[in-house]
Each structure stands twice: as C-alpha cells, then as structure tokens.
PDB file of N, CA and C in Angstrom:
ATOM      1  N   MET A   1      51.085  83.882 101.652  1.00  0.00           N
ATOM      2  CA  MET A   1      52.522  83.982 101.782  1.00  0.00           C
ATOM      3  C   MET A   1      52.863  85.422 102.186  1.00  0.00           C
ATOM      4  N   ALA A   2      53.798  85.569 103.112  1.00  0.00           N
ATOM      5  CA  ALA A   2      54.169  86.886 103.614  1.00  0.00           C
ATOM      6  C   ALA A   2      55.096  87.585 102.631  1.00  0.00           C
ATOM      7  N   ASP A   3      54.959  88.894 102.606  1.00  0.00           N
ATOM      8  CA  ASP A   3      55.856  89.681 101.760  1.00  0.00           C
ATOM      9  C   ASP A   3      57.274  89.588 102.313  1.00  0.00           C
ATOM     10  N   PRO A   4      58.285  89.627 101.408  1.00  0.00           N
ATOM     11  CA  PRO A   4      59.666  89.601 101.903  1.00  0.00           C
ATOM     12  C   PRO A   4      59.945  90.883 102.683  1.00  0.00           C
ATOM     13  N   PRO A   5      60.854  90.797 103.654  1.00  0.00           N
ATOM     14  CA  PRO A   5      61.153  91.998 104.444  1.00  0.00           C
ATOM     15  C   PRO A   5      61.784  93.078 103.571  1.00  0.00           C
ATOM     16  N   ILE A   6      61.479  94.301 103.888  1.00  0.00           N
ATOM     17  CA  ILE A   6      62.059  95.437 103.154  1.00  0.00           C
ATOM     18  C   ILE A   6      63.428  95.727 103.761  1.00  0.00           C
ATOM     19  N   VAL A   7      64.428  95.689 102.902  1.00  0.00           N
ATOM     20  CA  VAL A   7      65.794  95.955 103.347  1.00  0.00           C
ATOM     21  C   VAL A   7      66.130  97.381 102.941  1.00  0.00           C
ATOM     22  N   GLU A   8      66.457  98.169 103.953  1.00  0.00           N
ATOM     23  CA  GLU A   8      66.818  99.553 103.655  1.00  0.00           C
ATOM     24  C   GLU A   8      68.197  99.582 103.022  1.00  0.00           C
ATOM     25  N   GLN A   9      68.276 100.257 101.894  1.00  0.00           N
ATOM     26  CA  GLN A   9      69.560 100.345 101.208  1.00  0.00           C
ATOM     27  C   GLN A   9      70.323 101.541 101.757  1.00  0.00           C
ATOM     28  N   GLU A  10      71.574 101.301 102.075  1.00  0.00           N
ATOM     29  CA  GLU A  10      72.442 102.358 102.590  1.00  0.00           C
ATOM     30  C   GLU A  10      72.695 103.367 101.471  1.00  0.00           C
ATOM     31  N   PRO A  11      72.772 104.649 101.802  1.00  0.00           N
ATOM     32  CA  PRO A  11      73.104 105.633 100.756  1.00  0.00           C
ATOM     33  C   PRO A  11      74.452 105.284 100.113  1.00  0.00           C
ATOM     34  N   LYS A  12      74.585 105.642  98.852  1.00  0.00           N
ATOM     35  CA  LYS A  12      75.821 105.334  98.127  1.00  0.00           C
ATOM     36  C   LYS A  12      76.984 106.058  98.798  1.00  0.00           C
ATOM     37  N   LYS A  13      78.042 105.290  99.075  1.00  0.00           N
ATOM     38  CA  LYS A  13      79.250 105.852  99.680  1.00  0.00           C
ATOM     39  C   LYS A  13      80.447 105.425  98.834  1.00  0.00           C
ATOM     40  N   PHE A  14      81.427 106.294  98.792  1.00  0.00           N
ATOM     41  CA  PHE A  14      82.626 106.079  97.989  1.00  0.00           C
ATOM     42  C   PHE A  14      83.837 106.074  98.915  1.00  0.00           C
ATOM     43  N   TYR A  15      84.776 105.199  98.619  1.00  0.00           N
ATOM     44  CA  TYR A  15      85.993 105.087  99.411  1.00  0.00           C
ATOM     45  C   TYR A  15      87.178 105.079  98.458  1.00  0.00           C
ATOM     46  N   GLY A  16      88.298 105.633  98.918  1.00  0.00           N
ATOM     47  CA  GLY A  16      89.496 105.640  98.087  1.00  0.00           C
ATOM     48  C   GLY A  16      90.744 105.513  98.928  1.00  0.00           C
ATOM     49  N   ILE A  17      91.799 105.055  98.290  1.00  0.00           N
ATOM     50  CA  ILE A  17      93.123 105.096  98.910  1.00  0.00           C
ATOM     51  C   ILE A  17      94.007 105.953  98.017  1.00  0.00           C
ATOM     52  N   PHE A  18      94.955 106.629  98.653  1.00  0.00           N
ATOM     53  CA  PHE A  18      95.775 107.628  97.972  1.00  0.00           C
ATOM     54  C   PHE A  18      97.224 107.510  98.416  1.00  0.00           C
ATOM     55  N   THR A  19      98.131 107.902  97.535  1.00  0.00           N
ATOM     56  CA  THR A  19      99.553 107.949  97.889  1.00  0.00           C
ATOM     57  C   THR A  19      99.783 109.127  98.824  1.00  0.00           C
ATOM     58  N   ALA A  20     100.991 109.224  99.354  1.00  0.00           N
ATOM     59  CA  ALA A  20     101.339 110.354 100.229  1.00  0.00           C
ATOM     60  C   ALA A  20     101.193 111.679  99.486  1.00  0.00           C
ATOM     61  N   GLU A  21     101.348 111.663  98.159  1.00  0.00           N
ATOM     62  CA  GLU A  21     101.216 112.876  97.355  1.00  0.00           C
ATOM     63  C   GLU A  21      99.768 113.145  96.960  1.00  0.00           C
ATOM     64  N   GLY A  22      98.853 112.244  97.311  1.00  0.00           N
ATOM     65  CA  GLY A  22      97.439 112.441  97.004  1.00  0.00           C
ATOM     66  C   GLY A  22      96.952 111.788  95.723  1.00  0.00           C
ATOM     67  N   ALA A  23      97.813 111.046  95.040  1.00  0.00           N
ATOM     68  CA  ALA A  23      97.396 110.377  93.803  1.00  0.00           C
ATOM     69  C   ALA A  23      96.489 109.192  94.152  1.00  0.00           C
ATOM     70  N   PRO A  24      95.357 109.077  93.469  1.00  0.00           N
ATOM     71  CA  PRO A  24      94.463 107.958  93.768  1.00  0.00           C
ATOM     72  C   PRO A  24      95.079 106.614  93.358  1.00  0.00           C
ATOM     73  N   ARG A  25      94.856 105.608  94.200  1.00  0.00           N
ATOM     74  CA  ARG A  25      95.365 104.271  93.914  1.00  0.00           C
ATOM     75  C   ARG A  25      94.259 103.230  93.849  1.00  0.00           C
ATOM     76  N   GLY A  26      93.052 103.585  94.240  1.00  0.00           N
ATOM     77  CA  GLY A  26      91.947 102.634  94.168  1.00  0.00           C
ATOM     78  C   GLY A  26      90.685 103.229  94.735  1.00  0.00           C
ATOM     79  N   PHE A  27      89.549 102.778  94.205  1.00  0.00           N
ATOM     80  CA  PHE A  27      88.245 103.245  94.659  1.00  0.00           C
ATOM     81  C   PHE A  27      87.332 102.059  94.904  1.00  0.00           C
ATOM     82  N   TRP A  28      86.428 102.213  95.858  1.00  0.00           N
ATOM     83  CA  TRP A  28      85.418 101.213  96.172  1.00  0.00           C
ATOM     84  C   TRP A  28      84.106 101.934  96.430  1.00  0.00           C
ATOM     85  N   ILE A  29      83.016 101.342  95.977  1.00  0.00           N
ATOM     86  CA  ILE A  29      81.680 101.919  96.167  1.00  0.00           C
ATOM     87  C   ILE A  29      80.849 100.893  96.924  1.00  0.00           C
ATOM     88  N   ASN A  30      80.098 101.357  97.923  1.00  0.00           N
ATOM     89  CA  ASN A  30      79.396 100.409  98.781  1.00  0.00           C
ATOM     90  C   ASN A  30      78.255  99.671  98.089  1.00  0.00           C
ATOM     91  N   ASP A  31      77.787 100.149  96.935  1.00  0.00           N
ATOM     92  CA  ASP A  31      76.751  99.351  96.275  1.00  0.00           C
ATOM     93  C   ASP A  31      77.363  98.160  95.532  1.00  0.00           C
ATOM     94  N   VAL A  32      78.671  98.200  95.295  1.00  0.00           N
ATOM     95  CA  VAL A  32      79.377  97.057  94.717  1.00  0.00           C
ATOM     96  C   VAL A  32      79.962  96.200  95.846  1.00  0.00           C
ATOM     97  N   TYR A  33      80.403  96.858  96.905  1.00  0.00           N
ATOM     98  CA  TYR A  33      80.988  96.197  98.072  1.00  0.00           C
ATOM     99  C   TYR A  33      80.146  96.535  99.304  1.00  0.00           C
ATOM    100  N   PRO A  34      78.996  95.890  99.470  1.00  0.00           N
ATOM    101  CA  PRO A  34      78.112  96.219 100.595  1.00  0.00           C
ATOM    102  C   PRO A  34      78.725  95.831 101.941  1.00  0.00           C
ATOM    103  N   ARG A  35      78.184  96.413 102.982  1.00  0.00           N
ATOM    104  CA  ARG A  35      78.651  96.097 104.339  1.00  0.00           C
ATOM    105  C   ARG A  35      78.471  94.612 104.623  1.00  0.00           C
ATOM    106  N   GLN A  36      79.284  94.122 105.511  1.00  0.00           N
ATOM    107  CA  GLN A  36      79.163  92.736 105.948  1.00  0.00           C
ATOM    108  C   GLN A  36      77.925  92.603 106.842  1.00  0.00           C
ATOM    109  N   ALA A  37      77.509  91.399 107.074  1.00  0.00           N
ATOM    110  CA  ALA A  37      76.320  91.147 107.898  1.00  0.00           C
ATOM    111  C   ALA A  37      76.474  91.737 109.300  1.00  0.00           C
ATOM    112  N   ASN A  38      77.700  91.836 109.800  1.00  0.00           N
ATOM    113  CA  ASN A  38      77.928  92.386 111.141  1.00  0.00           C
ATOM    114  C   ASN A  38      77.979  93.916 111.150  1.00  0.00           C
ATOM    115  N   GLY A  39      77.749  94.543 109.983  1.00  0.00           N
ATOM    116  CA  GLY A  39      77.720  96.002 109.901  1.00  0.00           C
ATOM    117  C   GLY A  39      79.049  96.654 109.570  1.00  0.00           C
ATOM    118  N   LEU A  40      80.112  95.878 109.579  1.00  0.00           N
ATOM    119  CA  LEU A  40      81.429  96.436 109.252  1.00  0.00           C
ATOM    120  C   LEU A  40      81.557  96.614 107.746  1.00  0.00           C
ATOM    121  N   LEU A  41      82.497  97.476 107.351  1.00  0.00           N
ATOM    122  CA  LEU A  41      82.754  97.651 105.921  1.00  0.00           C
ATOM    123  C   LEU A  41      83.118  96.318 105.293  1.00  0.00           C
ATOM    124  N   ASN A  42      82.819  96.205 104.025  1.00  0.00           N
ATOM    125  CA  ASN A  42      83.166  95.008 103.272  1.00  0.00           C
ATOM    126  C   ASN A  42      84.665  94.767 103.413  1.00  0.00           C
ATOM    127  N   ALA A  43      85.045  93.521 103.580  1.00  0.00           N
ATOM    128  CA  ALA A  43      86.454  93.168 103.762  1.00  0.00           C
ATOM    129  C   ALA A  43      87.302  93.502 102.543  1.00  0.00           C
ATOM    130  N   ALA A  44      86.683  93.682 101.372  1.00  0.00           N
ATOM    131  CA  ALA A  44      87.435  94.030 100.168  1.00  0.00           C
ATOM    132  C   ALA A  44      87.900  95.488 100.186  1.00  0.00           C
ATOM    133  N   ILE A  45      87.270  96.314 101.015  1.00  0.00           N
ATOM    134  CA  ILE A  45      87.663  97.728 101.114  1.00  0.00           C
ATOM    135  C   ILE A  45      88.825  97.810 102.097  1.00  0.00           C
ATOM    136  N   PRO A  46      89.992  98.308 101.657  1.00  0.00           N
ATOM    137  CA  PRO A  46      91.160  98.364 102.552  1.00  0.00           C
ATOM    138  C   PRO A  46      90.875  99.189 103.803  1.00  0.00           C
ATOM    139  N   SER A  47      91.505  98.810 104.888  1.00  0.00           N
ATOM    140  CA  SER A  47      91.287  99.505 106.161  1.00  0.00           C
ATOM    141  C   SER A  47      91.794 100.948 106.117  1.00  0.00           C
ATOM    142  N   ASN A  48      92.720 101.257 105.210  1.00  0.00           N
ATOM    143  CA  ASN A  48      93.236 102.627 105.113  1.00  0.00           C
ATOM    144  C   ASN A  48      92.467 103.481 104.103  1.00  0.00           C
ATOM    145  N   ALA A  49      91.367 102.936 103.562  1.00  0.00           N
ATOM    146  CA  ALA A  49      90.545 103.710 102.617  1.00  0.00           C
ATOM    147  C   ALA A  49      89.815 104.820 103.370  1.00  0.00           C
ATOM    148  N   VAL A  50      89.676 105.965 102.714  1.00  0.00           N
ATOM    149  CA  VAL A  50      88.945 107.085 103.305  1.00  0.00           C
ATOM    150  C   VAL A  50      87.642 107.290 102.542  1.00  0.00           C
ATOM    151  N   GLU A  51      86.630 107.713 103.262  1.00  0.00           N
ATOM    152  CA  GLU A  51      85.352 107.978 102.613  1.00  0.00           C
ATOM    153  C   GLU A  51      85.431 109.326 101.897  1.00  0.00           C
ATOM    154  N   ILE A  52      84.986 109.347 100.658  1.00  0.00           N
ATOM    155  CA  ILE A  52      84.938 110.575  99.859  1.00  0.00           C
ATOM    156  C   ILE A  52      83.526 110.707  99.296  1.00  0.00           C
ATOM    157  N   ASN A  53      83.180 111.905  98.852  1.00  0.00           N
ATOM    158  CA  ASN A  53      81.837 112.072  98.279  1.00  0.00           C
ATOM    159  C   ASN A  53      81.873 111.810  96.767  1.00  0.00           C
ATOM    160  N   GLU A  54      80.697 111.752  96.184  1.00  0.00           N
ATOM    161  CA  GLU A  54      80.603 111.419  94.759  1.00  0.00           C
ATOM    162  C   GLU A  54      81.252 112.480  93.878  1.00  0.00           C
ATOM    163  N   ALA A  55      81.138 113.750  94.246  1.00  0.00           N
ATOM    164  CA  ALA A  55      81.757 114.820  93.445  1.00  0.00           C
ATOM    165  C   ALA A  55      83.278 114.672  93.436  1.00  0.00           C
ATOM    166  N   THR A  56      83.849 114.326  94.581  1.00  0.00           N
ATOM    167  CA  THR A  56      85.301 114.114  94.671  1.00  0.00           C
ATOM    168  C   THR A  56      85.703 112.919  93.818  1.00  0.00           C
ATOM    169  N   TRP A  57      84.964 111.832  93.943  1.00  0.00           N
ATOM    170  CA  TRP A  57      85.235 110.621  93.169  1.00  0.00           C
ATOM    171  C   TRP A  57      85.197 110.931  91.672  1.00  0.00           C
ATOM    172  N   THR A  58      84.164 111.677  91.244  1.00  0.00           N
ATOM    173  CA  THR A  58      84.013 112.027  89.824  1.00  0.00           C
ATOM    174  C   THR A  58      85.177 112.892  89.351  1.00  0.00           C
ATOM    175  N   ALA A  59      85.566 113.887  90.153  1.00  0.00           N
ATOM    176  CA  ALA A  59      86.677 114.768  89.772  1.00  0.00           C
ATOM    177  C   ALA A  59      87.983 113.994  89.650  1.00  0.00           C
ATOM    178  N   LEU A  60      88.224 113.071  90.560  1.00  0.00           N
ATOM    179  CA  LEU A  60      89.460 112.293  90.521  1.00  0.00           C
ATOM    180  C   LEU A  60      89.492 111.347  89.318  1.00  0.00           C
ATOM    181  N   LEU A  61      88.347 110.785  88.971  1.00  0.00           N
ATOM    182  CA  LEU A  61      88.291 109.898  87.805  1.00  0.00           C
ATOM    183  C   LEU A  61      88.384 110.677  86.491  1.00  0.00           C
ATOM    184  N   ALA A  62      87.902 111.910  86.493  1.00  0.00           N
ATOM    185  CA  ALA A  62      87.885 112.704  85.263  1.00  0.00           C
ATOM    186  C   ALA A  62      89.282 113.127  84.828  1.00  0.00           C
ATOM    187  N   ASP A  63      90.205 113.253  85.767  1.00  0.00           N
ATOM    188  CA  ASP A  63      91.547 113.728  85.427  1.00  0.00           C
ATOM    189  C   ASP A  63      92.598 112.975  86.248  1.00  0.00           C
ATOM    190  N   PRO A  64      92.751 111.680  85.992  1.00  0.00           N
ATOM    191  CA  PRO A  64      93.623 110.877  86.847  1.00  0.00           C
ATOM    192  C   PRO A  64      95.100 111.257  86.807  1.00  0.00           C
ATOM    193  N   SER A  65      95.545 111.914  85.755  1.00  0.00           N
ATOM    194  CA  SER A  65      96.973 112.245  85.680  1.00  0.00           C
ATOM    195  C   SER A  65      97.354 113.462  86.513  1.00  0.00           C
ATOM    196  N   THR A  66      96.411 114.368  86.781  1.00  0.00           N
ATOM    197  CA  THR A  66      96.777 115.568  87.534  1.00  0.00           C
ATOM    198  C   THR A  66      95.924 115.806  88.779  1.00  0.00           C
ATOM    199  N   ALA A  67      94.785 115.142  88.929  1.00  0.00           N
ATOM    200  CA  ALA A  67      93.933 115.351  90.104  1.00  0.00           C
ATOM    201  C   ALA A  67      94.512 114.603  91.301  1.00  0.00           C
ATOM    202  N   ARG A  68      94.533 115.268  92.432  1.00  0.00           N
ATOM    203  CA  ARG A  68      95.032 114.700  93.679  1.00  0.00           C
ATOM    204  C   ARG A  68      94.025 114.994  94.784  1.00  0.00           C
ATOM    205  N   TYR A  69      94.148 114.274  95.910  1.00  0.00           N
ATOM    206  CA  TYR A  69      93.227 114.444  97.027  1.00  0.00           C
ATOM    207  C   TYR A  69      94.016 114.499  98.326  1.00  0.00           C
ATOM    208  N   ALA A  70      93.776 115.546  99.102  1.00  0.00           N
ATOM    209  CA  ALA A  70      94.400 115.683 100.423  1.00  0.00           C
ATOM    210  C   ALA A  70      93.583 116.648 101.250  1.00  0.00           C
ATOM    211  N   ASN A  71      93.551 116.410 102.537  1.00  0.00           N
ATOM    212  CA  ASN A  71      92.849 117.286 103.481  1.00  0.00           C
ATOM    213  C   ASN A  71      91.403 117.532 103.072  1.00  0.00           C
ATOM    214  N   GLY A  72      90.760 116.502 102.524  1.00  0.00           N
ATOM    215  CA  GLY A  72      89.347 116.604 102.190  1.00  0.00           C
ATOM    216  C   GLY A  72      89.025 117.377 100.928  1.00  0.00           C
ATOM    217  N   ARG A  73      90.013 117.664 100.102  1.00  0.00           N
ATOM    218  CA  ARG A  73      89.716 118.409  98.874  1.00  0.00           C
ATOM    219  C   ARG A  73      90.540 117.889  97.701  1.00  0.00           C
ATOM    220  N   VAL A  74      90.031 118.161  96.509  1.00  0.00           N
ATOM    221  CA  VAL A  74      90.729 117.804  95.274  1.00  0.00           C
ATOM    222  C   VAL A  74      91.567 118.996  94.850  1.00  0.00           C
ATOM    223  N   PHE A  75      92.781 118.742  94.426  1.00  0.00           N
ATOM    224  CA  PHE A  75      93.628 119.792  93.854  1.00  0.00           C
ATOM    225  C   PHE A  75      94.320 119.205  92.631  1.00  0.00           C
ATOM    226  N   TYR A  76      94.901 120.063  91.841  1.00  0.00           N
ATOM    227  CA  TYR A  76      95.509 119.629  90.578  1.00  0.00           C
ATOM    228  C   TYR A  76      96.973 120.021  90.558  1.00  0.00           C
ATOM    229  N   ILE A  77      97.783 119.120  90.036  1.00  0.00           N
ATOM    230  CA  ILE A  77      99.211 119.393  89.906  1.00  0.00           C
ATOM    231  C   ILE A  77      99.531 119.696  88.454  1.00  0.00           C
ATOM    232  N   THR A  78     100.645 120.348  88.248  1.00  0.00           N
ATOM    233  CA  THR A  78     101.145 120.557  86.890  1.00  0.00           C
ATOM    234  C   THR A  78     101.971 119.324  86.542  1.00  0.00           C
ATOM    235  N   PRO A  79     101.612 118.622  85.492  1.00  0.00           N
ATOM    236  CA  PRO A  79     102.379 117.414  85.179  1.00  0.00           C
ATOM    237  C   PRO A  79     103.811 117.768  84.781  1.00  0.00           C
ATOM    238  N   PRO A  80     104.747 116.858  85.040  1.00  0.00           N
ATOM    239  CA  PRO A  80     106.127 117.134  84.632  1.00  0.00           C
ATOM    240  C   PRO A  80     106.213 117.209  83.115  1.00  0.00           C
ATOM    241  N   PRO A  81     107.205 117.930  82.620  1.00  0.00           N
ATOM    242  CA  PRO A  81     107.346 118.012  81.163  1.00  0.00           C
ATOM    243  C   PRO A  81     107.700 116.637  80.601  1.00  0.00           C
ATOM    244  N   PRO A  82     107.348 116.398  79.361  1.00  0.00           N
ATOM    245  CA  PRO A  82     107.695 115.107  78.764  1.00  0.00           C
ATOM    246  C   PRO A  82     109.210 114.986  78.614  1.00  0.00           C
ATOM    247  N   PRO A  83     109.714 113.778  78.611  1.00  0.00           N
ATOM    248  CA  PRO A  83     111.158 113.615  78.451  1.00  0.00           C
ATOM    249  C   PRO A  83     111.587 114.063  77.062  1.00  0.00           C
ATOM    250  N   PRO A  84     112.859 114.422  76.917  1.00  0.00           N
ATOM    251  CA  PRO A  84     113.327 114.821  75.585  1.00  0.00           C
ATOM    252  C   PRO A  84     113.290 113.627  74.639  1.00  0.00           C
ATOM    253  N   PRO A  85     113.194 113.897  73.345  1.00  0.00           N
ATOM    254  CA  PRO A  85     113.179 112.778  72.394  1.00  0.00           C
ATOM    255  C   PRO A  85     114.540 112.089  72.391  1.00  0.00           C
ATOM    256  N   PRO A  86     114.564 110.832  72.028  1.00  0.00           N
ATOM    257  CA  PRO A  86     115.852 110.130  71.975  1.00  0.00           C
ATOM    258  C   PRO A  86     116.717 110.705  70.856  1.00  0.00           C
ATOM    259  N   PRO A  87     118.024 110.532  70.971  1.00  0.00           N
ATOM    260  CA  PRO A  87     118.891 111.037  69.901  1.00  0.00           C
ATOM    261  C   PRO A  87     118.631 110.243  68.619  1.00  0.00           C
ATOM    262  N   PRO A  88     118.923 110.861  67.493  1.00  0.00           N
ATOM    263  CA  PRO A  88     118.726 110.136  66.230  1.00  0.00           C
ATOM    264  C   PRO A  88     119.738 108.995  66.127  1.00  0.00           C
ATOM    265  N   PRO A  89     119.404 107.967  65.398  1.00  0.00           N
ATOM    266  CA  PRO A  89     120.372 106.866  65.233  1.00  0.00           C
ATOM    267  C   PRO A  89     121.574 107.354  64.425  1.00  0.00           C
ATOM    268  N   PRO A  90     122.699 106.682  64.607  1.00  0.00           N
ATOM    269  CA  PRO A  90     123.884 107.110  63.837  1.00  0.00           C
ATOM    270  C   PRO A  90     123.679 106.833  62.343  1.00  0.00           C
ATOM    271  N   SER A  91     124.372 107.621  61.543  1.00  0.00           N
ATOM    272  CA  SER A  91     124.335 107.359  60.099  1.00  0.00           C
ATOM    273  C   SER A  91     125.086 106.052  59.826  1.00  0.00           C
ATOM    274  N   ARG A  92     124.947 105.562  58.637  1.00  0.00           N
ATOM    275  CA  ARG A  92     125.629 104.310  58.276  1.00  0.00           C
ATOM    276  C   ARG A  92     127.138 104.471  58.428  1.00  0.00           C
ATOM    277  N   ALA A  93     127.667 105.628  58.020  1.00  0.00           N
ATOM    278  CA  ALA A  93     129.113 105.864  58.118  1.00  0.00           C
ATOM    279  C   ALA A  93     129.547 105.894  59.589  1.00  0.00           C
ATOM    280  N   GLU A  94     128.749 106.560  60.446  1.00  0.00           N
ATOM    281  CA  GLU A  94     129.069 106.613  61.885  1.00  0.00           C
ATOM    282  C   GLU A  94     129.002 105.214  62.494  1.00  0.00           C
ATOM    283  N   PHE A  95     127.983 104.445  62.108  1.00  0.00           N
ATOM    284  CA  PHE A  95     127.843 103.080  62.614  1.00  0.00           C
ATOM    285  C   PHE A  95     129.047 102.234  62.218  1.00  0.00           C
ATOM    286  N   ASP A  96     129.430 102.329  60.950  1.00  0.00           N
ATOM    287  CA  ASP A  96     130.578 101.551  60.481  1.00  0.00           C
ATOM    288  C   ASP A  96     131.847 101.943  61.228  1.00  0.00           C
ATOM    289  N   ALA A  97     132.029 103.238  61.504  1.00  0.00           N
ATOM    290  CA  ALA A  97     133.205 103.701  62.235  1.00  0.00           C
ATOM    291  C   ALA A  97     133.186 103.170  63.670  1.00  0.00           C
ATOM    292  N   LEU A  98     132.021 103.211  64.318  1.00  0.00           N
ATOM    293  CA  LEU A  98     131.914 102.681  65.676  1.00  0.00           C
ATOM    294  C   LEU A  98     132.174 101.175  65.703  1.00  0.00           C
ATOM    295  N   LEU A  99     131.632 100.468  64.734  1.00  0.00           N
ATOM    296  CA  LEU A  99     131.834  99.025  64.659  1.00  0.00           C
ATOM    297  C   LEU A  99     133.311  98.700  64.453  1.00  0.00           C
ATOM    298  N   ALA A 100     133.973  99.457  63.616  1.00  0.00           N
ATOM    299  CA  ALA A 100     135.406  99.242  63.385  1.00  0.00           C
ATOM    300  C   ALA A 100     136.188  99.492  64.672  1.00  0.00           C
ATOM    301  N   GLU A 101     135.776 100.497  65.428  1.00  0.00           N
ATOM    302  CA  GLU A 101     136.454 100.812  66.704  1.00  0.00           C
ATOM    303  C   GLU A 101     136.261  99.681  67.714  1.00  0.00           C
ATOM    304  N   VAL A 102     135.039  99.132  67.778  1.00  0.00           N
ATOM    305  CA  VAL A 102     134.775  98.001  68.678  1.00  0.00           C
ATOM    306  C   VAL A 102     135.618  96.803  68.287  1.00  0.00           C
ATOM    307  N   ARG A 103     135.646  96.516  67.001  1.00  0.00           N
ATOM    308  CA  ARG A 103     136.446  95.362  66.529  1.00  0.00           C
ATOM    309  C   ARG A 103     137.924  95.560  66.853  1.00  0.00           C
ATOM    310  N   LYS A 104     138.379  96.795  66.712  1.00  0.00           N
ATOM    311  CA  LYS A 104     139.776  97.113  66.990  1.00  0.00           C
ATOM    312  C   LYS A 104     140.067  96.920  68.479  1.00  0.00           C
ATOM    313  N   LEU A 105     139.146  97.366  69.340  1.00  0.00           N
ATOM    314  CA  LEU A 105     139.334  97.212  70.792  1.00  0.00           C
ATOM    315  C   LEU A 105     139.294  95.746  71.199  1.00  0.00           C
ATOM    316  N   ARG A 106     138.417  94.964  70.579  1.00  0.00           N
ATOM    317  CA  ARG A 106     138.337  93.529  70.925  1.00  0.00           C
ATOM    318  C   ARG A 106     139.602  92.794  70.485  1.00  0.00           C
ATOM    319  N   GLY A 107     140.126  93.233  69.371  1.00  0.00           N
ATOM    320  CA  GLY A 107     141.353  92.598  68.888  1.00  0.00           C
ATOM    321  C   GLY A 107     142.558  92.969  69.747  1.00  0.00           C
ATOM    322  N   ALA A 108     142.482  94.114  70.413  1.00  0.00           N
ATOM    323  CA  ALA A 108     143.606  94.590  71.224  1.00  0.00           C
ATOM    324  C   ALA A 108     143.663  93.896  72.573  1.00  0.00           C
ATOM    325  N   SER A 109     142.557  93.259  73.019  1.00  0.00           N
ATOM    326  CA  SER A 109     142.566  92.657  74.356  1.00  0.00           C
ATOM    327  C   SER A 109     143.050  91.245  74.375  1.00  0.00           C
TER     328      SER A 109
END
C-alpha cells in the first residue's frame, strides 16, 4: 500500500477586521479556517479582513478594551472615564411628597 501524500501545511496566518477607529471586531486563523481547495481564503474569513502577525493578534487579545490597530501597528487609547454614579433614591418623605404631587396633578386634569 502506498504512503498517503504529504500535504504541506501553510504557515499560521492571522486575519482580523477592525472598526474605523481600529477596535478589533473579529479574528480568524488559517489553521482553523484553512484555504479552500481552489487556493482562495476560506469563505468564513470576511473579504475585508486584513492579515496580521501573531504578535499583533496577541497584543490585541491581551487588552481588548484599549488596544487598537491601524496602519500596520497596535496602539493604545485612554479609555473614557466611567459614568458618574446614579443619584441616591429619594428618602421616604421625599417619595411621599412626590407621590402626593402626582396624585394632585392627576386629580387636576
């Protein structure tokens, strides 16, 4: 019986899509999504995906909230400050006063 043919494995390649601001939106690796039989990229990899190297892929995955990609390089943004805390709930007396005001307005209409 003949030995099976040796299939050369393509070097690992990484692909990503990014927003206009450089935020990553998805990644594909060719060992999970191999080329089609006709040599074209796997149909699961979007046509607008760009090839990136493993170091870039690792950096983007390590810090997804601030790492961005543009012009072939990774850069980091300063995240926006957190929103202010919500106001405290009204006291029981304030709630009762507001409720009385609502009832008064409903009765007036």
